[in-house]
Amino acid sequence: TGASGALAQPGFAQLELSFLLPADVRPALRLLEQCLHSEAPGGL
């Protein structure tokens, strides 16, 4: 990882961030997704 680039796609304005992680973090992904979608004040 570390490289960045831009893809021209009319009608799509998106940012994608890509990470390589140890496979054993997989059980934490559902929690991470819950944190990402949380609408709590002060959240992302």
All heavy atoms as atom14 arrays in JSON, in Angstrom:
{
  "sequence": "TGASGALAQPGFAQLELSFLLPADVRPALRLLEQCLHSEAPGGL",
  "atom14_mask": [
    [1, 1, 1, 1, 1, 1, 1, 0, 0, 0, 0, 0, 0, 0],
    [1, 1, 1, 1, 0, 0, 0, 0, 0, 0, 0, 0, 0, 0],
    [1, 1, 1, 1, 1, 0, 0, 0, 0, 0, 0, 0, 0, 0],
    [1, 1, 1, 1, 1, 1, 0, 0, 0, 0, 0, 0, 0, 0],
    [1, 1, 1, 1, 0, 0, 0, 0, 0, 0, 0, 0, 0, 0],
    [1, 1, 1, 1, 1, 0, 0, 0, 0, 0, 0, 0, 0, 0],
    [1, 1, 1, 1, 1, 1, 1, 1, 0, 0, 0, 0, 0, 0],
    [1, 1, 1, 1, 1, 0, 0, 0, 0, 0, 0, 0, 0, 0],
    [1, 1, 1, 1, 1, 1, 1, 1, 1, 0, 0, 0, 0, 0],
    [1, 1, 1, 1, 1, 1, 1, 0, 0, 0, 0, 0, 0, 0],
    [1, 1, 1, 1, 0, 0, 0, 0, 0, 0, 0, 0, 0, 0],
    [1, 1, 1, 1, 1, 1, 1, 1, 1, 1, 1, 0, 0, 0],
    [1, 1, 1, 1, 1, 0, 0, 0, 0, 0, 0, 0, 0, 0],
    [1, 1, 1, 1, 1, 1, 1, 1, 1, 0, 0, 0, 0, 0],
    [1, 1, 1, 1, 1, 1, 1, 1, 0, 0, 0, 0, 0, 0],
    [1, 1, 1, 1, 1, 1, 1, 1, 1, 0, 0, 0, 0, 0],
    [1, 1, 1, 1, 1, 1, 1, 1, 0, 0, 0, 0, 0, 0],
    [1, 1, 1, 1, 1, 1, 0, 0, 0, 0, 0, 0, 0, 0],
    [1, 1, 1, 1, 1, 1, 1, 1, 1, 1, 1, 0, 0, 0],
    [1, 1, 1, 1, 1, 1, 1, 1, 0, 0, 0, 0, 0, 0],
    [1, 1, 1, 1, 1, 1, 1, 1, 0, 0, 0, 0, 0, 0],
    [1, 1, 1, 1, 1, 1, 1, 0, 0, 0, 0, 0, 0, 0],
    [1, 1, 1, 1, 1, 0, 0, 0, 0, 0, 0, 0, 0, 0],
    [1, 1, 1, 1, 1, 1, 1, 1, 0, 0, 0, 0, 0, 0],
    [1, 1, 1, 1, 1, 1, 1, 0, 0, 0, 0, 0, 0, 0],
    [1, 1, 1, 1, 1, 1, 1, 1, 1, 1, 1, 0, 0, 0],
    [1, 1, 1, 1, 1, 1, 1, 0, 0, 0, 0, 0, 0, 0],
    [1, 1, 1, 1, 1, 0, 0, 0, 0, 0, 0, 0, 0, 0],
    [1, 1, 1, 1, 1, 1, 1, 1, 0, 0, 0, 0, 0, 0],
    [1, 1, 1, 1, 1, 1, 1, 1, 1, 1, 1, 0, 0, 0],
    [1, 1, 1, 1, 1, 1, 1, 1, 0, 0, 0, 0, 0, 0],
    [1, 1, 1, 1, 1, 1, 1, 1, 0, 0, 0, 0, 0, 0],
    [1, 1, 1, 1, 1, 1, 1, 1, 1, 0, 0, 0, 0, 0],
    [1, 1, 1, 1, 1, 1, 1, 1, 1, 0, 0, 0, 0, 0],
    [1, 1, 1, 1, 1, 1, 0, 0, 0, 0, 0, 0, 0, 0],
    [1, 1, 1, 1, 1, 1, 1, 1, 0, 0, 0, 0, 0, 0],
    [1, 1, 1, 1, 1, 1, 1, 1, 1, 1, 0, 0, 0, 0],
    [1, 1, 1, 1, 1, 1, 0, 0, 0, 0, 0, 0, 0, 0],
    [1, 1, 1, 1, 1, 1, 1, 1, 1, 0, 0, 0, 0, 0],
    [1, 1, 1, 1, 1, 0, 0, 0, 0, 0, 0, 0, 0, 0],
    [1, 1, 1, 1, 1, 1, 1, 0, 0, 0, 0, 0, 0, 0],
    [1, 1, 1, 1, 0, 0, 0, 0, 0, 0, 0, 0, 0, 0],
    [1, 1, 1, 1, 0, 0, 0, 0, 0, 0, 0, 0, 0, 0],
    [1, 1, 1, 1, 1, 1, 1, 1, 0, 0, 0, 0, 0, 0]
  ],
  "atom14_positions": [
    [[0.85, -1.18, 0.0], [0.0, 0.0, 0.0], [0.88, 1.24, 0.0], [2.1, 1.16, 0.14], [-0.91, 0.03, 1.24], [-0.09, -0.07, 2.4], [-1.91, -1.09, 1.22], [0.0, 0.0, 0.0], [0.0, 0.0, 0.0], [0.0, 0.0, 0.0], [0.0, 0.0, 0.0], [0.0, 0.0, 0.0], [0.0, 0.0, 0.0], [0.0, 0.0, 0.0]],
    [[0.27, 2.4, -0.16], [1.0, 3.67, -0.14], [0.8, 4.48, -1.4], [0.9, 5.71, -1.38], [0.0, 0.0, 0.0], [0.0, 0.0, 0.0], [0.0, 0.0, 0.0], [0.0, 0.0, 0.0], [0.0, 0.0, 0.0], [0.0, 0.0, 0.0], [0.0, 0.0, 0.0], [0.0, 0.0, 0.0], [0.0, 0.0, 0.0], [0.0, 0.0, 0.0]],
    [[0.5, 3.81, -2.51], [0.28, 4.54, -3.76], [-1.12, 5.13, -3.78], [-2.03, 4.66, -3.11], [0.47, 3.62, -4.95], [0.0, 0.0, 0.0], [0.0, 0.0, 0.0], [0.0, 0.0, 0.0], [0.0, 0.0, 0.0], [0.0, 0.0, 0.0], [0.0, 0.0, 0.0], [0.0, 0.0, 0.0], [0.0, 0.0, 0.0], [0.0, 0.0, 0.0]],
    [[-1.29, 6.2, -4.55], [-2.61, 6.81, -4.71], [-2.83, 7.08, -6.19], [-1.9, 7.18, -6.98], [-2.73, 8.1, -3.9], [-1.78, 9.06, -4.35], [0.0, 0.0, 0.0], [0.0, 0.0, 0.0], [0.0, 0.0, 0.0], [0.0, 0.0, 0.0], [0.0, 0.0, 0.0], [0.0, 0.0, 0.0], [0.0, 0.0, 0.0], [0.0, 0.0, 0.0]],
    [[-4.09, 7.24, -6.56], [-4.41, 7.5, -7.96], [-5.83, 7.99, -8.09], [-6.61, 7.96, -7.14], [0.0, 0.0, 0.0], [0.0, 0.0, 0.0], [0.0, 0.0, 0.0], [0.0, 0.0, 0.0], [0.0, 0.0, 0.0], [0.0, 0.0, 0.0], [0.0, 0.0, 0.0], [0.0, 0.0, 0.0], [0.0, 0.0, 0.0], [0.0, 0.0, 0.0]],
    [[-6.16, 8.47, -9.28], [-7.5, 8.98, -9.57], [-8.06, 8.25, -10.77], [-7.35, 7.99, -11.74], [-7.46, 10.48, -9.83], [0.0, 0.0, 0.0], [0.0, 0.0, 0.0], [0.0, 0.0, 0.0], [0.0, 0.0, 0.0], [0.0, 0.0, 0.0], [0.0, 0.0, 0.0], [0.0, 0.0, 0.0], [0.0, 0.0, 0.0], [0.0, 0.0, 0.0]],
    [[-9.33, 7.9, -10.7], [-10.03, 7.24, -11.79], [-11.19, 8.12, -12.21], [-12.04, 8.46, -11.39], [-10.55, 5.87, -11.33], [-11.36, 5.05, -12.34], [-10.48, 4.62, -13.51], [-11.96, 3.82, -11.67], [0.0, 0.0, 0.0], [0.0, 0.0, 0.0], [0.0, 0.0, 0.0], [0.0, 0.0, 0.0], [0.0, 0.0, 0.0], [0.0, 0.0, 0.0]],
    [[-11.21, 8.52, -13.47], [-12.28, 9.39, -13.97], [-13.54, 8.57, -14.24], [-13.53, 7.72, -15.12], [-11.82, 10.11, -15.23], [0.0, 0.0, 0.0], [0.0, 0.0, 0.0], [0.0, 0.0, 0.0], [0.0, 0.0, 0.0], [0.0, 0.0, 0.0], [0.0, 0.0, 0.0], [0.0, 0.0, 0.0], [0.0, 0.0, 0.0], [0.0, 0.0, 0.0]],
    [[-14.59, 8.81, -13.47], [-15.87, 8.13, -13.64], [-17.0, 9.16, -13.51], [-17.41, 9.5, -12.4], [-16.05, 7.02, -12.61], [-15.13, 5.83, -12.82], [-15.47, 4.68, -11.87], [-15.4, 4.82, -10.67], [-15.83, 3.55, -12.44], [0.0, 0.0, 0.0], [0.0, 0.0, 0.0], [0.0, 0.0, 0.0], [0.0, 0.0, 0.0], [0.0, 0.0, 0.0]],
    [[-17.46, 9.69, -14.62], [-18.52, 10.71, -14.56], [-19.73, 10.2, -13.78], [-20.19, 9.08, -13.97], [-18.87, 10.92, -16.04], [-17.64, 10.54, -16.79], [-17.04, 9.41, -16.01], [0.0, 0.0, 0.0], [0.0, 0.0, 0.0], [0.0, 0.0, 0.0], [0.0, 0.0, 0.0], [0.0, 0.0, 0.0], [0.0, 0.0, 0.0], [0.0, 0.0, 0.0]],
    [[-20.2, 11.04, -12.87], [-21.36, 10.66, -12.07], [-21.01, 9.98, -10.77], [-21.9, 9.72, -9.95], [0.0, 0.0, 0.0], [0.0, 0.0, 0.0], [0.0, 0.0, 0.0], [0.0, 0.0, 0.0], [0.0, 0.0, 0.0], [0.0, 0.0, 0.0], [0.0, 0.0, 0.0], [0.0, 0.0, 0.0], [0.0, 0.0, 0.0], [0.0, 0.0, 0.0]],
    [[-19.72, 9.65, -10.54], [-19.3, 9.0, -9.3], [-18.23, 9.87, -8.63], [-17.14, 10.03, -9.16], [-18.73, 7.61, -9.58], [-19.77, 6.62, -10.02], [-20.08, 6.46, -11.37], [-20.46, 5.85, -9.09], [-21.04, 5.55, -11.78], [-21.43, 4.95, -9.49], [-21.72, 4.8, -10.84], [0.0, 0.0, 0.0], [0.0, 0.0, 0.0], [0.0, 0.0, 0.0]],
    [[-18.58, 10.44, -7.49], [-17.62, 11.21, -6.7], [-17.37, 10.45, -5.42], [-18.16, 10.52, -4.47], [-18.18, 12.61, -6.41], [0.0, 0.0, 0.0], [0.0, 0.0, 0.0], [0.0, 0.0, 0.0], [0.0, 0.0, 0.0], [0.0, 0.0, 0.0], [0.0, 0.0, 0.0], [0.0, 0.0, 0.0], [0.0, 0.0, 0.0], [0.0, 0.0, 0.0]],
    [[-16.28, 9.68, -5.39], [-16.02, 8.81, -4.25], [-14.54, 8.83, -3.89], [-13.69, 9.05, -4.74], [-16.43, 7.37, -4.56], [-17.93, 7.19, -4.79], [-18.32, 5.73, -4.93], [-17.47, 4.88, -5.12], [-19.6, 5.46, -4.84], [0.0, 0.0, 0.0], [0.0, 0.0, 0.0], [0.0, 0.0, 0.0], [0.0, 0.0, 0.0], [0.0, 0.0, 0.0]],
    [[-14.29, 8.61, -2.61], [-12.94, 8.4, -2.12], [-12.87, 7.01, -1.52], [-13.7, 6.64, -0.69], [-12.59, 9.44, -1.04], [-11.28, 9.18, -0.29], [-10.08, 9.36, -1.21], [-11.16, 10.1, 0.93], [0.0, 0.0, 0.0], [0.0, 0.0, 0.0], [0.0, 0.0, 0.0], [0.0, 0.0, 0.0], [0.0, 0.0, 0.0], [0.0, 0.0, 0.0]],
    [[-11.89, 6.23, -1.96], [-11.69, 4.9, -1.39], [-10.3, 4.85, -0.76], [-9.3, 5.19, -1.39], [-11.83, 3.81, -2.47], [-13.23, 3.74, -3.05], [-13.61, 2.36, -3.55], [-12.97, 1.39, -3.13], [-14.54, 2.28, -4.36], [0.0, 0.0, 0.0], [0.0, 0.0, 0.0], [0.0, 0.0, 0.0], [0.0, 0.0, 0.0], [0.0, 0.0, 0.0]],
    [[-10.27, 4.4, 0.5], [-9.03, 4.23, 1.23], [-8.8, 2.74, 1.44], [-9.68, 2.04, 1.91], [-9.09, 4.95, 2.57], [-9.33, 6.46, 2.5], [-9.46, 7.05, 3.9], [-8.2, 7.15, 1.75], [0.0, 0.0, 0.0], [0.0, 0.0, 0.0], [0.0, 0.0, 0.0], [0.0, 0.0, 0.0], [0.0, 0.0, 0.0], [0.0, 0.0, 0.0]],
    [[-7.62, 2.28, 1.1], [-7.32, 0.85, 1.05], [-6.19, 0.53, 2.02], [-5.18, 1.23, 2.07], [-6.92, 0.5, -0.39], [-6.53, -0.84, -0.5], [0.0, 0.0, 0.0], [0.0, 0.0, 0.0], [0.0, 0.0, 0.0], [0.0, 0.0, 0.0], [0.0, 0.0, 0.0], [0.0, 0.0, 0.0], [0.0, 0.0, 0.0], [0.0, 0.0, 0.0]],
    [[-6.38, -0.53, 2.84], [-5.4, -0.92, 3.84], [-5.14, -2.42, 3.76], [-6.04, -3.19, 3.49], [-5.91, -0.6, 5.26], [-6.21, 0.86, 5.5], [-7.44, 1.39, 5.17], [-5.26, 1.69, 6.05], [-7.72, 2.73, 5.38], [-5.52, 3.03, 6.28], [-6.76, 3.56, 5.95], [0.0, 0.0, 0.0], [0.0, 0.0, 0.0], [0.0, 0.0, 0.0]],
    [[-3.89, -2.82, 4.03], [-3.53, -4.22, 4.18], [-3.29, -4.49, 5.66], [-2.5, -3.8, 6.3], [-2.28, -4.55, 3.37], [-2.4, -4.39, 1.85], [-1.06, -4.7, 1.18], [-3.49, -5.28, 1.3], [0.0, 0.0, 0.0], [0.0, 0.0, 0.0], [0.0, 0.0, 0.0], [0.0, 0.0, 0.0], [0.0, 0.0, 0.0], [0.0, 0.0, 0.0]],
    [[-3.99, -5.5, 6.19], [-3.96, -5.8, 7.62], [-3.72, -7.28, 7.85], [-3.95, -8.09, 6.95], [-5.29, -5.4, 8.27], [-5.71, -3.93, 8.15], [-7.14, -3.76, 8.62], [-4.78, -3.05, 8.95], [0.0, 0.0, 0.0], [0.0, 0.0, 0.0], [0.0, 0.0, 0.0], [0.0, 0.0, 0.0], [0.0, 0.0, 0.0], [0.0, 0.0, 0.0]],
    [[-3.3, -7.67, 9.04], [-3.19, -9.1, 9.34], [-4.56, -9.76, 9.27], [-5.57, -9.19, 9.69], [-2.64, -9.12, 10.78], [-2.02, -7.78, 10.98], [-2.81, -6.83, 10.13], [0.0, 0.0, 0.0], [0.0, 0.0, 0.0], [0.0, 0.0, 0.0], [0.0, 0.0, 0.0], [0.0, 0.0, 0.0], [0.0, 0.0, 0.0], [0.0, 0.0, 0.0]],
    [[-4.61, -10.97, 8.74], [-5.88, -11.66, 8.55], [-6.63, -11.89, 9.85], [-7.86, -11.99, 9.86], [-5.66, -12.98, 7.82], [0.0, 0.0, 0.0], [0.0, 0.0, 0.0], [0.0, 0.0, 0.0], [0.0, 0.0, 0.0], [0.0, 0.0, 0.0], [0.0, 0.0, 0.0], [0.0, 0.0, 0.0], [0.0, 0.0, 0.0], [0.0, 0.0, 0.0]],
    [[-5.91, -11.97, 10.97], [-6.59, -12.3, 12.22], [-7.39, -11.14, 12.81], [-8.0, -11.29, 13.87], [-5.6, -12.85, 13.26], [-4.46, -11.88, 13.56], [-4.52, -10.73, 13.12], [-3.51, -12.29, 14.27], [0.0, 0.0, 0.0], [0.0, 0.0, 0.0], [0.0, 0.0, 0.0], [0.0, 0.0, 0.0], [0.0, 0.0, 0.0], [0.0, 0.0, 0.0]],
    [[-7.42, -9.99, 12.14], [-8.29, -8.9, 12.62], [-9.72, -9.07, 12.12], [-10.61, -8.3, 12.5], [-7.78, -7.51, 12.19], [-6.33, -7.32, 12.59], [-7.94, -7.28, 10.69], [0.0, 0.0, 0.0], [0.0, 0.0, 0.0], [0.0, 0.0, 0.0], [0.0, 0.0, 0.0], [0.0, 0.0, 0.0], [0.0, 0.0, 0.0], [0.0, 0.0, 0.0]],
    [[-9.96, -10.06, 11.28], [-11.28, -10.22, 10.66], [-12.43, -10.23, 11.69], [-13.47, -9.63, 11.44], [-11.32, -11.49, 9.82], [-12.61, -11.67, 9.05], [-12.61, -12.98, 8.27], [-11.72, -12.95, 7.13], [-12.06, -12.47, 5.94], [-13.26, -11.99, 5.74], [-11.21, -12.5, 4.94], [0.0, 0.0, 0.0], [0.0, 0.0, 0.0], [0.0, 0.0, 0.0]],
    [[-12.3, -10.9, 12.85], [-13.43, -10.89, 13.79], [-13.84, -9.5, 14.27], [-14.95, -9.33, 14.77], [-12.91, -11.75, 14.96], [-11.89, -12.64, 14.34], [-11.23, -11.8, 13.3], [0.0, 0.0, 0.0], [0.0, 0.0, 0.0], [0.0, 0.0, 0.0], [0.0, 0.0, 0.0], [0.0, 0.0, 0.0], [0.0, 0.0, 0.0], [0.0, 0.0, 0.0]],
    [[-12.95, -8.51, 14.14], [-13.27, -7.16, 14.6], [-13.97, -6.32, 13.53], [-14.38, -5.19, 13.81], [-12.0, -6.45, 15.05], [0.0, 0.0, 0.0], [0.0, 0.0, 0.0], [0.0, 0.0, 0.0], [0.0, 0.0, 0.0], [0.0, 0.0, 0.0], [0.0, 0.0, 0.0], [0.0, 0.0, 0.0], [0.0, 0.0, 0.0], [0.0, 0.0, 0.0]],
    [[-14.13, -6.84, 12.32], [-14.65, -6.02, 11.24], [-16.11, -5.61, 11.45], [-16.51, -4.52, 11.06], [-14.5, -6.75, 9.9], [-13.06, -6.95, 9.42], [-13.05, -7.62, 8.06], [-12.3, -5.64, 9.39], [0.0, 0.0, 0.0], [0.0, 0.0, 0.0], [0.0, 0.0, 0.0], [0.0, 0.0, 0.0], [0.0, 0.0, 0.0], [0.0, 0.0, 0.0]],
    [[-16.91, -6.5, 12.04], [-18.31, -6.12, 12.26], [-18.41, -4.96, 13.24], [-19.25, -4.08, 13.09], [-19.11, -7.33, 12.74], [-19.36, -8.36, 11.67], [-20.45, -9.35, 12.07], [-20.08, -10.13, 13.24], [-19.34, -11.23, 13.19], [-18.86, -11.65, 12.03], [-19.05, -11.9, 14.28], [0.0, 0.0, 0.0], [0.0, 0.0, 0.0], [0.0, 0.0, 0.0]],
    [[-17.54, -4.96, 14.24], [-17.5, -3.84, 15.18], [-17.03, -2.57, 14.48], [-17.59, -1.48, 14.69], [-16.58, -4.17, 16.35], [-16.35, -3.04, 17.37], [-17.67, -2.58, 17.98], [-15.39, -3.49, 18.45], [0.0, 0.0, 0.0], [0.0, 0.0, 0.0], [0.0, 0.0, 0.0], [0.0, 0.0, 0.0], [0.0, 0.0, 0.0], [0.0, 0.0, 0.0]],
    [[-16.02, -2.68, 13.63], [-15.52, -1.52, 12.9], [-16.61, -0.94, 12.0], [-16.79, 0.28, 11.91], [-14.3, -1.91, 12.06], [-13.67, -0.78, 11.22], [-13.22, 0.37, 12.11], [-12.5, -1.32, 10.4], [0.0, 0.0, 0.0], [0.0, 0.0, 0.0], [0.0, 0.0, 0.0], [0.0, 0.0, 0.0], [0.0, 0.0, 0.0], [0.0, 0.0, 0.0]],
    [[-17.37, -1.82, 11.35], [-18.45, -1.35, 10.5], [-19.52, -0.63, 11.33], [-20.07, 0.4, 10.91], [-19.08, -2.52, 9.74], [-20.14, -2.06, 8.74], [-20.81, -3.23, 8.05], [-21.27, -4.14, 8.75], [-20.86, -3.22, 6.81], [0.0, 0.0, 0.0], [0.0, 0.0, 0.0], [0.0, 0.0, 0.0], [0.0, 0.0, 0.0], [0.0, 0.0, 0.0]],
    [[-19.82, -1.16, 12.51], [-20.8, -0.52, 13.39], [-20.31, 0.87, 13.81], [-21.08, 1.83, 13.83], [-21.04, -1.39, 14.62], [-22.27, -1.01, 15.44], [-23.56, -1.43, 14.75], [-23.61, -2.48, 14.12], [-24.58, -0.6, 14.85], [0.0, 0.0, 0.0], [0.0, 0.0, 0.0], [0.0, 0.0, 0.0], [0.0, 0.0, 0.0], [0.0, 0.0, 0.0]],
    [[-19.03, 0.98, 14.13], [-18.45, 2.28, 14.48], [-18.52, 3.25, 13.31], [-18.83, 4.44, 13.47], [-17.0, 2.12, 14.92], [-16.76, 1.18, 16.44], [0.0, 0.0, 0.0], [0.0, 0.0, 0.0], [0.0, 0.0, 0.0], [0.0, 0.0, 0.0], [0.0, 0.0, 0.0], [0.0, 0.0, 0.0], [0.0, 0.0, 0.0], [0.0, 0.0, 0.0]],
    [[-18.24, 2.75, 12.11], [-18.25, 3.59, 10.92], [-19.64, 4.18, 10.68], [-19.78, 5.35, 10.32], [-17.81, 2.77, 9.71], [-17.85, 3.48, 8.35], [-16.85, 4.62, 8.31], [-17.58, 2.48, 7.22], [0.0, 0.0, 0.0], [0.0, 0.0, 0.0], [0.0, 0.0, 0.0], [0.0, 0.0, 0.0], [0.0, 0.0, 0.0], [0.0, 0.0, 0.0]],
    [[-20.68, 3.37, 10.86], [-22.04, 3.8, 10.55], [-22.74, 4.49, 11.71], [-23.88, 4.96, 11.55], [-22.87, 2.6, 10.1], [-22.47, 2.09, 8.76], [-22.67, 0.78, 8.36], [-21.85, 2.69, 7.71], [-22.21, 0.61, 7.14], [-21.7, 1.75, 6.73], [0.0, 0.0, 0.0], [0.0, 0.0, 0.0], [0.0, 0.0, 0.0], [0.0, 0.0, 0.0]],
    [[-22.1, 4.55, 12.87], [-22.73, 5.16, 14.03], [-23.05, 6.64, 13.76], [-22.22, 7.38, 13.22], [-21.81, 5.06, 15.25], [-22.33, 5.8, 16.33], [0.0, 0.0, 0.0], [0.0, 0.0, 0.0], [0.0, 0.0, 0.0], [0.0, 0.0, 0.0], [0.0, 0.0, 0.0], [0.0, 0.0, 0.0], [0.0, 0.0, 0.0], [0.0, 0.0, 0.0]],
    [[-24.25, 7.04, 14.12], [-24.67, 8.43, 13.95], [-24.52, 9.23, 15.24], [-25.06, 10.33, 15.37], [-26.14, 8.47, 13.5], [-26.4, 7.78, 12.17], [-25.92, 8.6, 10.98], [-25.55, 9.77, 11.18], [-25.9, 8.06, 9.85], [0.0, 0.0, 0.0], [0.0, 0.0, 0.0], [0.0, 0.0, 0.0], [0.0, 0.0, 0.0], [0.0, 0.0, 0.0]],
    [[-23.79, 8.69, 16.22], [-23.65, 9.37, 17.51], [-22.95, 10.71, 17.35], [-22.04, 10.85, 16.52], [-22.87, 8.48, 18.47], [0.0, 0.0, 0.0], [0.0, 0.0, 0.0], [0.0, 0.0, 0.0], [0.0, 0.0, 0.0], [0.0, 0.0, 0.0], [0.0, 0.0, 0.0], [0.0, 0.0, 0.0], [0.0, 0.0, 0.0], [0.0, 0.0, 0.0]],
    [[-23.37, 11.71, 18.12], [-22.67, 13.01, 18.08], [-21.19, 12.85, 18.38], [-20.8, 12.08, 19.27], [-23.37, 13.81, 19.2], [-24.71, 13.17, 19.35], [-24.49, 11.7, 19.07], [0.0, 0.0, 0.0], [0.0, 0.0, 0.0], [0.0, 0.0, 0.0], [0.0, 0.0, 0.0], [0.0, 0.0, 0.0], [0.0, 0.0, 0.0], [0.0, 0.0, 0.0]],
    [[-20.38, 13.52, 17.6], [-18.94, 13.39, 17.76], [-18.33, 12.25, 16.97], [-17.11, 12.14, 16.91], [0.0, 0.0, 0.0], [0.0, 0.0, 0.0], [0.0, 0.0, 0.0], [0.0, 0.0, 0.0], [0.0, 0.0, 0.0], [0.0, 0.0, 0.0], [0.0, 0.0, 0.0], [0.0, 0.0, 0.0], [0.0, 0.0, 0.0], [0.0, 0.0, 0.0]],
    [[-19.18, 11.4, 16.39], [-18.69, 10.29, 15.59], [-18.29, 10.74, 14.19], [-18.47, 11.89, 13.8], [0.0, 0.0, 0.0], [0.0, 0.0, 0.0], [0.0, 0.0, 0.0], [0.0, 0.0, 0.0], [0.0, 0.0, 0.0], [0.0, 0.0, 0.0], [0.0, 0.0, 0.0], [0.0, 0.0, 0.0], [0.0, 0.0, 0.0], [0.0, 0.0, 0.0]],
    [[-17.74, 9.79, 13.43], [-17.22, 10.12, 12.1], [-18.32, 10.61, 11.17], [-18.17, 11.64, 10.51], [-16.53, 8.9, 11.49], [-15.98, 9.12, 10.08], [-14.9, 10.18, 10.06], [-15.43, 7.81, 9.51], [0.0, 0.0, 0.0], [0.0, 0.0, 0.0], [0.0, 0.0, 0.0], [0.0, 0.0, 0.0], [0.0, 0.0, 0.0], [0.0, 0.0, 0.0]]
  ]
}
